[in-house]
Amino acid sequence: MYRYAALVSLAVFAAAAGAQPSNPLSAEVKWMYETIKNNLTKLADKMPAEDYGFRPTPDVETFAERVAHIAGANYSICTALQGKRQSLGGPRTSKADLAAALKQSFAACDAVFDSLTDANAMDRVSSRLGGPFPPEPTRTRLATLYNLVRHSNEMYGYMAVYLRLKGIVPPTSAPE
């Protein structure tokens, strides 16, 4: 009886261990990134092209400027993490141009998230990231990517209000 219980316990433990992702930390942030990437893509798609110039009040960015900000920040951070800091370049204002920029930024970030493992997640990022990053490499790759997700969620929250003001239900409030 004891031998049978030990074998069952061992089998249950082995099954549970096998079900765990091999990189739980990086898998968690990848899931968060995929979620916000999907939400931002749907959000940008839902806003009609003629409303991309919408500005709720004179002192805030237009919807187009918000999309450009997200695409630019993500692209800059993700290309820097690949060791080739780049920008998306010139101003973009049309929905089609901004959708392409957002897609380009997500492609750069997809490569970074796809290469993330728990082993390299703790690597210190280069001080060449610039922007909101301190001059010394004090953040880990994982913290940098969590910050990218946090920033993207913050922008989504702002931009959901733009849609609401136009009478459009944001994607996370109207799931398919």
N, C-alpha and C. Protein backbone atom coordinates (compact mmCIF):
# COMPACT_ATOMS: atom_id res chain seq x y z
N MET A 1 0.82 -1.19 0.00
CA MET A 1 0.00 0.00 0.00
C MET A 1 0.87 1.26 0.00
N TYR A 2 1.90 1.27 0.85
CA TYR A 2 2.80 2.42 0.92
C TYR A 2 3.49 2.64 -0.42
N ARG A 3 3.93 1.54 -1.03
CA ARG A 3 4.63 1.64 -2.31
C ARG A 3 3.68 2.22 -3.37
N TYR A 4 2.42 1.81 -3.38
CA TYR A 4 1.43 2.31 -4.33
C TYR A 4 1.21 3.82 -4.12
N ALA A 5 1.05 4.25 -2.87
CA ALA A 5 0.85 5.66 -2.55
C ALA A 5 2.06 6.49 -2.97
N ALA A 6 3.24 5.96 -2.77
CA ALA A 6 4.46 6.66 -3.16
C ALA A 6 4.53 6.81 -4.67
N LEU A 7 4.16 5.76 -5.41
CA LEU A 7 4.18 5.83 -6.87
C LEU A 7 3.15 6.83 -7.40
N VAL A 8 1.96 6.84 -6.80
CA VAL A 8 0.92 7.80 -7.20
C VAL A 8 1.40 9.23 -6.91
N SER A 9 1.95 9.45 -5.75
CA SER A 9 2.46 10.78 -5.38
C SER A 9 3.55 11.22 -6.34
N LEU A 10 4.45 10.32 -6.68
CA LEU A 10 5.53 10.64 -7.61
C LEU A 10 4.96 10.98 -8.98
N ALA A 11 3.96 10.24 -9.44
CA ALA A 11 3.35 10.50 -10.75
C ALA A 11 2.65 11.86 -10.76
N VAL A 12 1.94 12.18 -9.69
CA VAL A 12 1.26 13.48 -9.59
C VAL A 12 2.28 14.61 -9.58
N PHE A 13 3.35 14.46 -8.82
CA PHE A 13 4.40 15.48 -8.76
C PHE A 13 5.04 15.66 -10.13
N ALA A 14 5.34 14.56 -10.81
CA ALA A 14 5.97 14.64 -12.13
C ALA A 14 5.05 15.33 -13.13
N ALA A 15 3.76 15.03 -13.08
CA ALA A 15 2.81 15.67 -13.99
C ALA A 15 2.72 17.16 -13.71
N ALA A 16 2.69 17.53 -12.44
CA ALA A 16 2.62 18.96 -12.08
C ALA A 16 3.88 19.69 -12.49
N ALA A 17 5.01 19.05 -12.30
CA ALA A 17 6.29 19.68 -12.68
C ALA A 17 6.36 19.85 -14.19
N GLY A 18 5.85 18.89 -14.92
CA GLY A 18 5.85 18.97 -16.37
C GLY A 18 4.91 20.03 -16.91
N ALA A 19 3.88 20.38 -16.16
CA ALA A 19 2.91 21.37 -16.60
C ALA A 19 3.41 22.80 -16.40
N GLN A 20 4.42 22.97 -15.59
CA GLN A 20 4.95 24.31 -15.32
C GLN A 20 5.74 24.80 -16.53
N PRO A 21 5.58 26.08 -16.90
CA PRO A 21 6.40 26.60 -18.00
C PRO A 21 7.87 26.58 -17.59
N SER A 22 8.72 26.40 -18.58
CA SER A 22 10.14 26.31 -18.27
C SER A 22 10.72 27.66 -17.85
N ASN A 23 10.06 28.74 -18.21
CA ASN A 23 10.51 30.09 -17.86
C ASN A 23 9.34 30.87 -17.28
N PRO A 24 8.96 30.59 -16.04
CA PRO A 24 7.73 31.19 -15.50
C PRO A 24 7.75 32.72 -15.42
N LEU A 25 8.87 33.33 -15.09
CA LEU A 25 8.91 34.80 -15.02
C LEU A 25 8.71 35.42 -16.39
N SER A 26 9.45 34.95 -17.35
CA SER A 26 9.34 35.52 -18.69
C SER A 26 8.00 35.17 -19.32
N ALA A 27 7.46 33.98 -19.04
CA ALA A 27 6.15 33.61 -19.58
C ALA A 27 5.07 34.56 -19.06
N GLU A 28 5.19 34.97 -17.82
CA GLU A 28 4.21 35.87 -17.23
C GLU A 28 4.21 37.23 -17.91
N VAL A 29 5.37 37.83 -18.11
CA VAL A 29 5.42 39.14 -18.74
C VAL A 29 5.08 39.05 -20.23
N LYS A 30 5.39 37.93 -20.87
CA LYS A 30 5.01 37.73 -22.28
C LYS A 30 3.48 37.71 -22.41
N TRP A 31 2.81 37.03 -21.47
CA TRP A 31 1.35 36.97 -21.51
C TRP A 31 0.77 38.38 -21.33
N MET A 32 1.32 39.15 -20.41
CA MET A 32 0.85 40.53 -20.19
C MET A 32 1.06 41.38 -21.45
N TYR A 33 2.22 41.22 -22.09
CA TYR A 33 2.51 41.96 -23.31
C TYR A 33 1.54 41.59 -24.43
N GLU A 34 1.31 40.31 -24.62
CA GLU A 34 0.39 39.88 -25.68
C GLU A 34 -1.01 40.45 -25.45
N THR A 35 -1.44 40.52 -24.20
CA THR A 35 -2.75 41.06 -23.87
C THR A 35 -2.84 42.53 -24.23
N ILE A 36 -1.86 43.33 -23.83
CA ILE A 36 -1.94 44.77 -24.12
C ILE A 36 -1.70 45.04 -25.59
N LYS A 37 -0.87 44.25 -26.23
CA LYS A 37 -0.66 44.40 -27.69
C LYS A 37 -1.98 44.20 -28.42
N ASN A 38 -2.72 43.17 -28.04
CA ASN A 38 -4.01 42.89 -28.64
C ASN A 38 -5.00 44.03 -28.36
N ASN A 39 -5.03 44.50 -27.12
CA ASN A 39 -5.94 45.59 -26.75
C ASN A 39 -5.63 46.88 -27.50
N LEU A 40 -4.36 47.23 -27.60
CA LEU A 40 -3.98 48.47 -28.30
C LEU A 40 -4.28 48.38 -29.79
N THR A 41 -4.03 47.22 -30.38
CA THR A 41 -4.31 47.04 -31.80
C THR A 41 -5.80 47.21 -32.08
N LYS A 42 -6.63 46.60 -31.26
CA LYS A 42 -8.08 46.72 -31.42
C LYS A 42 -8.56 48.15 -31.16
N LEU A 43 -7.96 48.80 -30.15
CA LEU A 43 -8.33 50.17 -29.82
C LEU A 43 -8.04 51.10 -30.99
N ALA A 44 -6.84 50.99 -31.55
CA ALA A 44 -6.46 51.84 -32.68
C ALA A 44 -7.35 51.57 -33.89
N ASP A 45 -7.74 50.33 -34.06
CA ASP A 45 -8.60 49.96 -35.18
C ASP A 45 -10.02 50.49 -35.01
N LYS A 46 -10.51 50.52 -33.78
CA LYS A 46 -11.89 50.96 -33.52
C LYS A 46 -12.11 52.45 -33.77
N MET A 47 -11.07 53.26 -33.55
CA MET A 47 -11.24 54.70 -33.76
C MET A 47 -11.32 54.97 -35.26
N PRO A 48 -12.39 55.62 -35.72
CA PRO A 48 -12.50 55.94 -37.14
C PRO A 48 -11.35 56.85 -37.60
N ALA A 49 -10.94 56.70 -38.83
CA ALA A 49 -9.82 57.48 -39.38
C ALA A 49 -10.05 58.98 -39.23
N GLU A 50 -11.29 59.41 -39.44
CA GLU A 50 -11.58 60.85 -39.36
C GLU A 50 -11.49 61.40 -37.94
N ASP A 51 -11.43 60.52 -36.94
CA ASP A 51 -11.32 60.96 -35.55
C ASP A 51 -9.91 60.82 -34.97
N TYR A 52 -8.95 60.46 -35.78
CA TYR A 52 -7.58 60.34 -35.28
C TYR A 52 -7.03 61.70 -34.84
N GLY A 53 -7.57 62.78 -35.35
CA GLY A 53 -7.16 64.12 -34.94
C GLY A 53 -7.91 64.63 -33.72
N PHE A 54 -8.78 63.80 -33.15
CA PHE A 54 -9.59 64.20 -32.00
C PHE A 54 -8.71 64.49 -30.79
N ARG A 55 -9.00 65.62 -30.16
CA ARG A 55 -8.30 66.07 -28.95
C ARG A 55 -9.38 66.47 -27.94
N PRO A 56 -9.53 65.72 -26.85
CA PRO A 56 -10.61 66.02 -25.90
C PRO A 56 -10.59 67.44 -25.35
N THR A 57 -9.42 67.95 -25.06
CA THR A 57 -9.26 69.32 -24.61
C THR A 57 -8.01 69.88 -25.29
N PRO A 58 -7.89 71.19 -25.37
CA PRO A 58 -6.75 71.78 -26.09
C PRO A 58 -5.38 71.42 -25.53
N ASP A 59 -5.30 71.03 -24.27
CA ASP A 59 -3.99 70.79 -23.66
C ASP A 59 -3.56 69.32 -23.64
N VAL A 60 -4.28 68.45 -24.34
CA VAL A 60 -3.86 67.04 -24.39
C VAL A 60 -3.59 66.63 -25.83
N GLU A 61 -2.86 65.52 -25.97
CA GLU A 61 -2.53 65.01 -27.30
C GLU A 61 -3.76 64.52 -28.04
N THR A 62 -3.66 64.55 -29.36
CA THR A 62 -4.70 63.95 -30.18
C THR A 62 -4.60 62.43 -30.06
N PHE A 63 -5.63 61.75 -30.51
CA PHE A 63 -5.60 60.28 -30.51
C PHE A 63 -4.41 59.81 -31.35
N ALA A 64 -4.19 60.45 -32.50
CA ALA A 64 -3.07 60.08 -33.37
C ALA A 64 -1.73 60.25 -32.65
N GLU A 65 -1.60 61.34 -31.92
CA GLU A 65 -0.34 61.56 -31.19
C GLU A 65 -0.13 60.50 -30.11
N ARG A 66 -1.20 60.04 -29.50
CA ARG A 66 -1.09 58.97 -28.49
C ARG A 66 -0.64 57.67 -29.14
N VAL A 67 -1.21 57.32 -30.28
CA VAL A 67 -0.81 56.10 -30.99
C VAL A 67 0.66 56.22 -31.39
N ALA A 68 1.04 57.38 -31.91
CA ALA A 68 2.44 57.59 -32.31
C ALA A 68 3.37 57.47 -31.11
N HIS A 69 2.94 57.99 -29.97
CA HIS A 69 3.74 57.92 -28.75
C HIS A 69 3.98 56.47 -28.33
N ILE A 70 2.92 55.67 -28.34
CA ILE A 70 3.06 54.26 -27.96
C ILE A 70 3.98 53.53 -28.94
N ALA A 71 3.73 53.70 -30.22
CA ALA A 71 4.55 53.02 -31.22
C ALA A 71 6.01 53.44 -31.10
N GLY A 72 6.24 54.73 -30.93
CA GLY A 72 7.62 55.23 -30.83
C GLY A 72 8.33 54.75 -29.58
N ALA A 73 7.64 54.79 -28.46
CA ALA A 73 8.26 54.35 -27.20
C ALA A 73 8.58 52.86 -27.24
N ASN A 74 7.61 52.06 -27.67
CA ASN A 74 7.84 50.61 -27.74
C ASN A 74 8.98 50.27 -28.69
N TYR A 75 8.97 50.90 -29.86
CA TYR A 75 10.00 50.62 -30.86
C TYR A 75 11.38 51.01 -30.35
N SER A 76 11.47 52.18 -29.76
CA SER A 76 12.74 52.67 -29.23
C SER A 76 13.30 51.74 -28.15
N ILE A 77 12.45 51.34 -27.23
CA ILE A 77 12.89 50.46 -26.14
C ILE A 77 13.27 49.08 -26.67
N CYS A 78 12.42 48.52 -27.52
CA CYS A 78 12.68 47.16 -27.98
C CYS A 78 13.89 47.07 -28.92
N THR A 79 14.09 48.07 -29.77
CA THR A 79 15.30 48.03 -30.61
C THR A 79 16.54 48.26 -29.76
N ALA A 80 16.44 49.07 -28.72
CA ALA A 80 17.58 49.26 -27.82
C ALA A 80 17.93 47.96 -27.11
N LEU A 81 16.92 47.22 -26.70
CA LEU A 81 17.18 45.93 -26.04
C LEU A 81 17.79 44.91 -27.00
N GLN A 82 17.63 45.16 -28.29
CA GLN A 82 18.27 44.32 -29.30
C GLN A 82 19.66 44.84 -29.65
N GLY A 83 20.06 45.94 -29.01
CA GLY A 83 21.38 46.50 -29.24
C GLY A 83 21.49 47.40 -30.45
N LYS A 84 20.38 47.89 -30.96
CA LYS A 84 20.39 48.74 -32.16
C LYS A 84 19.36 49.86 -32.05
N ARG A 85 19.49 50.68 -31.03
CA ARG A 85 18.49 51.72 -30.77
C ARG A 85 18.13 52.48 -32.04
N GLN A 86 16.83 52.45 -32.36
CA GLN A 86 16.32 53.10 -33.56
C GLN A 86 15.03 53.82 -33.22
N SER A 87 14.66 54.74 -34.10
CA SER A 87 13.36 55.39 -33.93
C SER A 87 12.53 55.10 -35.17
N LEU A 88 11.24 55.30 -35.05
CA LEU A 88 10.35 55.06 -36.19
C LEU A 88 10.44 56.17 -37.23
N GLY A 89 11.03 57.29 -36.87
CA GLY A 89 11.17 58.38 -37.82
C GLY A 89 9.95 59.28 -37.89
N GLY A 90 10.01 60.21 -38.79
CA GLY A 90 9.06 61.28 -39.03
C GLY A 90 7.67 61.20 -38.45
N PRO A 91 7.00 62.34 -38.44
CA PRO A 91 5.64 62.38 -37.89
C PRO A 91 4.67 61.59 -38.76
N ARG A 92 3.75 60.93 -38.11
CA ARG A 92 2.70 60.17 -38.79
C ARG A 92 1.38 60.61 -38.18
N THR A 93 0.41 60.87 -39.02
CA THR A 93 -0.88 61.34 -38.50
C THR A 93 -2.06 60.53 -39.00
N SER A 94 -1.93 59.88 -40.15
CA SER A 94 -3.07 59.14 -40.68
C SER A 94 -3.21 57.80 -39.96
N LYS A 95 -4.43 57.31 -39.95
CA LYS A 95 -4.71 56.03 -39.30
C LYS A 95 -3.88 54.92 -39.95
N ALA A 96 -3.78 54.90 -41.27
CA ALA A 96 -3.03 53.86 -41.96
C ALA A 96 -1.55 53.90 -41.60
N ASP A 97 -0.96 55.10 -41.59
CA ASP A 97 0.46 55.23 -41.23
C ASP A 97 0.71 54.84 -39.78
N LEU A 98 -0.20 55.23 -38.90
CA LEU A 98 -0.03 54.91 -37.49
C LEU A 98 -0.27 53.43 -37.21
N ALA A 99 -1.18 52.81 -37.94
CA ALA A 99 -1.39 51.36 -37.80
C ALA A 99 -0.12 50.62 -38.22
N ALA A 100 0.52 51.09 -39.28
CA ALA A 100 1.77 50.48 -39.74
C ALA A 100 2.88 50.68 -38.72
N ALA A 101 2.95 51.87 -38.13
CA ALA A 101 3.97 52.14 -37.11
C ALA A 101 3.75 51.28 -35.87
N LEU A 102 2.51 51.14 -35.47
CA LEU A 102 2.19 50.30 -34.31
C LEU A 102 2.58 48.85 -34.60
N LYS A 103 2.26 48.39 -35.79
CA LYS A 103 2.62 47.02 -36.20
C LYS A 103 4.14 46.83 -36.21
N GLN A 104 4.86 47.81 -36.71
CA GLN A 104 6.33 47.76 -36.73
C GLN A 104 6.89 47.73 -35.31
N SER A 105 6.30 48.51 -34.42
CA SER A 105 6.78 48.52 -33.04
C SER A 105 6.52 47.18 -32.36
N PHE A 106 5.36 46.59 -32.64
CA PHE A 106 5.06 45.30 -32.06
C PHE A 106 5.95 44.20 -32.63
N ALA A 107 6.32 44.31 -33.89
CA ALA A 107 7.24 43.32 -34.47
C ALA A 107 8.59 43.37 -33.76
N ALA A 108 9.07 44.58 -33.48
CA ALA A 108 10.35 44.72 -32.75
C ALA A 108 10.22 44.16 -31.34
N CYS A 109 9.11 44.43 -30.69
CA CYS A 109 8.91 43.94 -29.33
C CYS A 109 8.65 42.44 -29.30
N ASP A 110 7.97 41.92 -30.31
CA ASP A 110 7.77 40.47 -30.39
C ASP A 110 9.11 39.74 -30.35
N ALA A 111 10.08 40.25 -31.11
CA ALA A 111 11.40 39.62 -31.14
C ALA A 111 12.06 39.65 -29.77
N VAL A 112 11.91 40.75 -29.06
CA VAL A 112 12.50 40.87 -27.72
C VAL A 112 11.81 39.92 -26.75
N PHE A 113 10.49 39.91 -26.75
CA PHE A 113 9.77 39.03 -25.84
C PHE A 113 9.99 37.56 -26.19
N ASP A 114 10.11 37.24 -27.48
CA ASP A 114 10.35 35.86 -27.89
C ASP A 114 11.73 35.37 -27.43
N SER A 115 12.69 36.27 -27.32
CA SER A 115 14.04 35.88 -26.90
C SER A 115 14.23 35.94 -25.38
N LEU A 116 13.20 36.39 -24.67
CA LEU A 116 13.30 36.51 -23.21
C LEU A 116 13.19 35.15 -22.55
N THR A 117 14.13 34.87 -21.67
CA THR A 117 14.10 33.67 -20.83
C THR A 117 14.32 34.12 -19.39
N ASP A 118 14.04 33.23 -18.46
CA ASP A 118 14.29 33.59 -17.06
C ASP A 118 15.78 33.82 -16.83
N ALA A 119 16.62 33.14 -17.59
CA ALA A 119 18.07 33.30 -17.42
C ALA A 119 18.54 34.68 -17.86
N ASN A 120 18.03 35.20 -19.00
CA ASN A 120 18.49 36.52 -19.46
C ASN A 120 17.62 37.65 -18.94
N ALA A 121 16.51 37.32 -18.27
CA ALA A 121 15.61 38.34 -17.73
C ALA A 121 16.30 39.22 -16.69
N MET A 122 17.28 38.66 -16.01
CA MET A 122 17.95 39.40 -14.94
C MET A 122 19.19 40.16 -15.43
N ASP A 123 19.48 40.09 -16.73
CA ASP A 123 20.59 40.87 -17.29
C ASP A 123 20.30 42.35 -17.11
N ARG A 124 21.33 43.09 -16.80
CA ARG A 124 21.19 44.55 -16.69
C ARG A 124 21.13 45.16 -18.07
N VAL A 125 20.23 46.15 -18.25
CA VAL A 125 20.08 46.78 -19.56
C VAL A 125 21.13 47.85 -19.74
N SER A 126 21.41 48.11 -20.98
CA SER A 126 22.43 49.09 -21.33
C SER A 126 21.99 50.49 -20.96
N SER A 127 22.93 51.30 -20.58
CA SER A 127 22.61 52.70 -20.27
C SER A 127 22.26 53.47 -21.53
N ARG A 128 22.44 52.85 -22.70
CA ARG A 128 22.11 53.52 -23.96
C ARG A 128 20.61 53.52 -24.25
N LEU A 129 19.80 52.98 -23.34
CA LEU A 129 18.36 53.01 -23.55
C LEU A 129 17.84 54.43 -23.57
N GLY A 130 18.41 55.30 -22.73
CA GLY A 130 17.99 56.70 -22.73
C GLY A 130 16.58 56.89 -22.22
N GLY A 131 15.97 57.99 -22.60
CA GLY A 131 14.59 58.27 -22.19
C GLY A 131 14.44 58.29 -20.69
N PRO A 132 13.45 57.58 -20.17
CA PRO A 132 13.19 57.60 -18.73
C PRO A 132 14.16 56.74 -17.93
N PHE A 133 15.12 56.13 -18.59
CA PHE A 133 16.04 55.23 -17.91
C PHE A 133 17.21 56.01 -17.30
N PRO A 134 17.66 55.59 -16.13
CA PRO A 134 18.81 56.25 -15.51
C PRO A 134 20.07 56.03 -16.33
N PRO A 135 21.10 56.88 -16.15
CA PRO A 135 22.31 56.77 -16.96
C PRO A 135 23.08 55.47 -16.74
N GLU A 136 22.97 54.88 -15.59
CA GLU A 136 23.66 53.62 -15.31
C GLU A 136 22.70 52.45 -15.51
N PRO A 137 23.21 51.31 -15.96
CA PRO A 137 22.33 50.16 -16.18
C PRO A 137 21.87 49.54 -14.86
N THR A 138 20.87 50.14 -14.27
CA THR A 138 20.40 49.68 -12.96
C THR A 138 19.16 48.80 -13.04
N ARG A 139 18.54 48.74 -14.20
CA ARG A 139 17.33 47.92 -14.34
C ARG A 139 17.66 46.62 -15.06
N THR A 140 16.86 45.63 -14.76
CA THR A 140 17.01 44.36 -15.46
C THR A 140 16.17 44.40 -16.74
N ARG A 141 16.47 43.47 -17.62
CA ARG A 141 15.68 43.33 -18.85
C ARG A 141 14.20 43.09 -18.47
N LEU A 142 13.96 42.25 -17.46
CA LEU A 142 12.60 41.95 -17.04
C LEU A 142 11.88 43.21 -16.54
N ALA A 143 12.54 44.00 -15.70
CA ALA A 143 11.93 45.23 -15.19
C ALA A 143 11.63 46.21 -16.32
N THR A 144 12.52 46.28 -17.30
CA THR A 144 12.31 47.16 -18.44
C THR A 144 11.08 46.74 -19.24
N LEU A 145 10.92 45.43 -19.42
CA LEU A 145 9.77 44.95 -20.18
C LEU A 145 8.47 45.07 -19.39
N TYR A 146 8.54 44.87 -18.08
CA TYR A 146 7.35 45.13 -17.26
C TYR A 146 6.97 46.60 -17.35
N ASN A 147 7.95 47.48 -17.37
CA ASN A 147 7.68 48.91 -17.48
C ASN A 147 7.05 49.24 -18.83
N LEU A 148 7.49 48.59 -19.88
CA LEU A 148 6.90 48.79 -21.20
C LEU A 148 5.42 48.39 -21.17
N VAL A 149 5.12 47.26 -20.55
CA VAL A 149 3.73 46.81 -20.44
C VAL A 149 2.93 47.78 -19.58
N ARG A 150 3.51 48.24 -18.47
CA ARG A 150 2.82 49.20 -17.60
C ARG A 150 2.49 50.48 -18.36
N HIS A 151 3.45 51.00 -19.10
CA HIS A 151 3.25 52.22 -19.88
C HIS A 151 2.17 52.02 -20.93
N SER A 152 2.19 50.89 -21.60
CA SER A 152 1.20 50.61 -22.63
C SER A 152 -0.20 50.52 -22.03
N ASN A 153 -0.32 49.91 -20.86
CA ASN A 153 -1.62 49.84 -20.17
C ASN A 153 -2.10 51.23 -19.77
N GLU A 154 -1.18 52.06 -19.31
CA GLU A 154 -1.53 53.43 -18.93
C GLU A 154 -2.06 54.19 -20.15
N MET A 155 -1.38 54.07 -21.28
CA MET A 155 -1.82 54.75 -22.50
C MET A 155 -3.18 54.21 -22.96
N TYR A 156 -3.37 52.90 -22.85
CA TYR A 156 -4.66 52.32 -23.22
C TYR A 156 -5.79 52.95 -22.38
N GLY A 157 -5.54 53.09 -21.09
CA GLY A 157 -6.54 53.69 -20.22
C GLY A 157 -6.91 55.10 -20.64
N TYR A 158 -5.89 55.90 -20.99
CA TYR A 158 -6.18 57.25 -21.46
C TYR A 158 -7.00 57.21 -22.75
N MET A 159 -6.55 56.37 -23.67
CA MET A 159 -7.15 56.36 -25.00
C MET A 159 -8.55 55.75 -25.02
N ALA A 160 -8.85 54.91 -24.05
CA ALA A 160 -10.20 54.36 -23.95
C ALA A 160 -11.19 55.50 -23.72
N VAL A 161 -10.77 56.53 -22.99
CA VAL A 161 -11.63 57.68 -22.75
C VAL A 161 -11.90 58.42 -24.07
N TYR A 162 -10.89 58.52 -24.94
CA TYR A 162 -11.09 59.17 -26.24
C TYR A 162 -12.21 58.44 -27.00
N LEU A 163 -12.17 57.10 -27.01
CA LEU A 163 -13.21 56.35 -27.69
C LEU A 163 -14.57 56.60 -27.05
N ARG A 164 -14.63 56.57 -25.73
CA ARG A 164 -15.90 56.80 -25.03
C ARG A 164 -16.49 58.17 -25.38
N LEU A 165 -15.61 59.17 -25.46
CA LEU A 165 -16.09 60.51 -25.80
C LEU A 165 -16.65 60.58 -27.22
N LYS A 166 -16.25 59.63 -28.05
CA LYS A 166 -16.77 59.54 -29.42
C LYS A 166 -17.93 58.55 -29.52
N GLY A 167 -18.36 58.03 -28.37
CA GLY A 167 -19.48 57.09 -28.36
C GLY A 167 -19.10 55.67 -28.76
N ILE A 168 -17.83 55.34 -28.67
CA ILE A 168 -17.34 54.01 -29.05
C ILE A 168 -16.96 53.24 -27.78
N VAL A 169 -17.37 52.00 -27.70
CA VAL A 169 -17.05 51.16 -26.55
C VAL A 169 -15.65 50.58 -26.75
N PRO A 170 -14.74 50.80 -25.79
CA PRO A 170 -13.38 50.27 -25.92
C PRO A 170 -13.36 48.73 -25.97
N PRO A 171 -12.36 48.16 -26.59
CA PRO A 171 -12.30 46.70 -26.77
C PRO A 171 -12.42 45.89 -25.48
N THR A 172 -11.82 46.35 -24.39
CA THR A 172 -11.86 45.57 -23.16
C THR A 172 -13.23 45.64 -22.48
N SER A 173 -14.06 46.59 -22.88
CA SER A 173 -15.41 46.70 -22.32
C SER A 173 -16.45 46.01 -23.19
N ALA A 174 -16.03 45.63 -24.39
CA ALA A 174 -16.95 44.96 -25.32
C ALA A 174 -16.25 43.77 -25.96
N PRO A 175 -15.87 42.79 -25.13
CA PRO A 175 -15.16 41.65 -25.70
C PRO A 175 -16.01 40.92 -26.72
N GLU A 176 -15.31 40.32 -27.69
CA GLU A 176 -16.01 39.61 -28.78
C GLU A 176 -16.57 38.30 -28.30
